[in-house]
Amino acid sequence: MTRESELREQICLGGASLFNRGLTHGSTGNLSVRLEDGGWLMTPTGSSLGTLDPARLARLDPAGRLVSGDAPTKEAFLHTTMYAERPAADAVVHLHSTCSVAVSCLDGIDHGNCLPPITAYYVMRVGELPLVPFFPPGDPGLAEAVRNLAGRHHAVLLANHGPVVAGSSLPAAMDAIEELEETARLFLLLRGQPVRLLTGAQVADLRRRFPS
């Protein structure tokens, strides 16, 4: 099996895992991986992550042109923007996961960092999570808004939409976005309760021990 074939299988298995565990629904969410030639594999537009076909994944060249497979997600620009700003990233995951979307709709959250440091693994896998202003789905203005943040943050939260996370591999990006979703769930469960957050010193120590 070639490396590209392995990545095609990885995308389909990863998508099914996310879908079957309720982290995405319907035809929402999209995944991509970077190929050795600088191009990408992406999930097709209008597809369910639960029923992806390895042979029908969109294959794009380094210029973003479709080479084979079905047309890519209409949010392909989110992925290519993240890759452009994060040269070490080899995968990007975007979901409409329920709790993360709920947080993105809240009034009064910190737009520079939407979720507080509740757990060590959130600090280690996500760190800071800035909010990207709302744009209609597919609006090219969203790419520029993401570009302004992606160089400093491997995870961003699109207002009233959902998270986008880049990682060194598809499993790493999935781990990070799942940690983000669980932290969003904890954040919503704890609202209105006295919460003991990690201190600034504890956060700094975690970042020193586990640099991203």
Foldseek 3Di string as FASTA:
>chain_A
DDPLLVVLVVQLVVLLVCVVVQQADQQWKKKKFADPQQWIWIAAARDRSNDGDSQQTFTAHNVRHTDDHHHHHLVVLQVNLLCVLPVLFGMKIWHQGPLLLVLLADPPADQFASFAQQDLVLCQQFNGEHEQEEDPPSPPVSSVSCNVPSNPGQKYAYRNGTIMGTDNDPVSRVVNRVVVSVRSVVVVVCPPHDGDHDDPVRSVVSCVVRPD
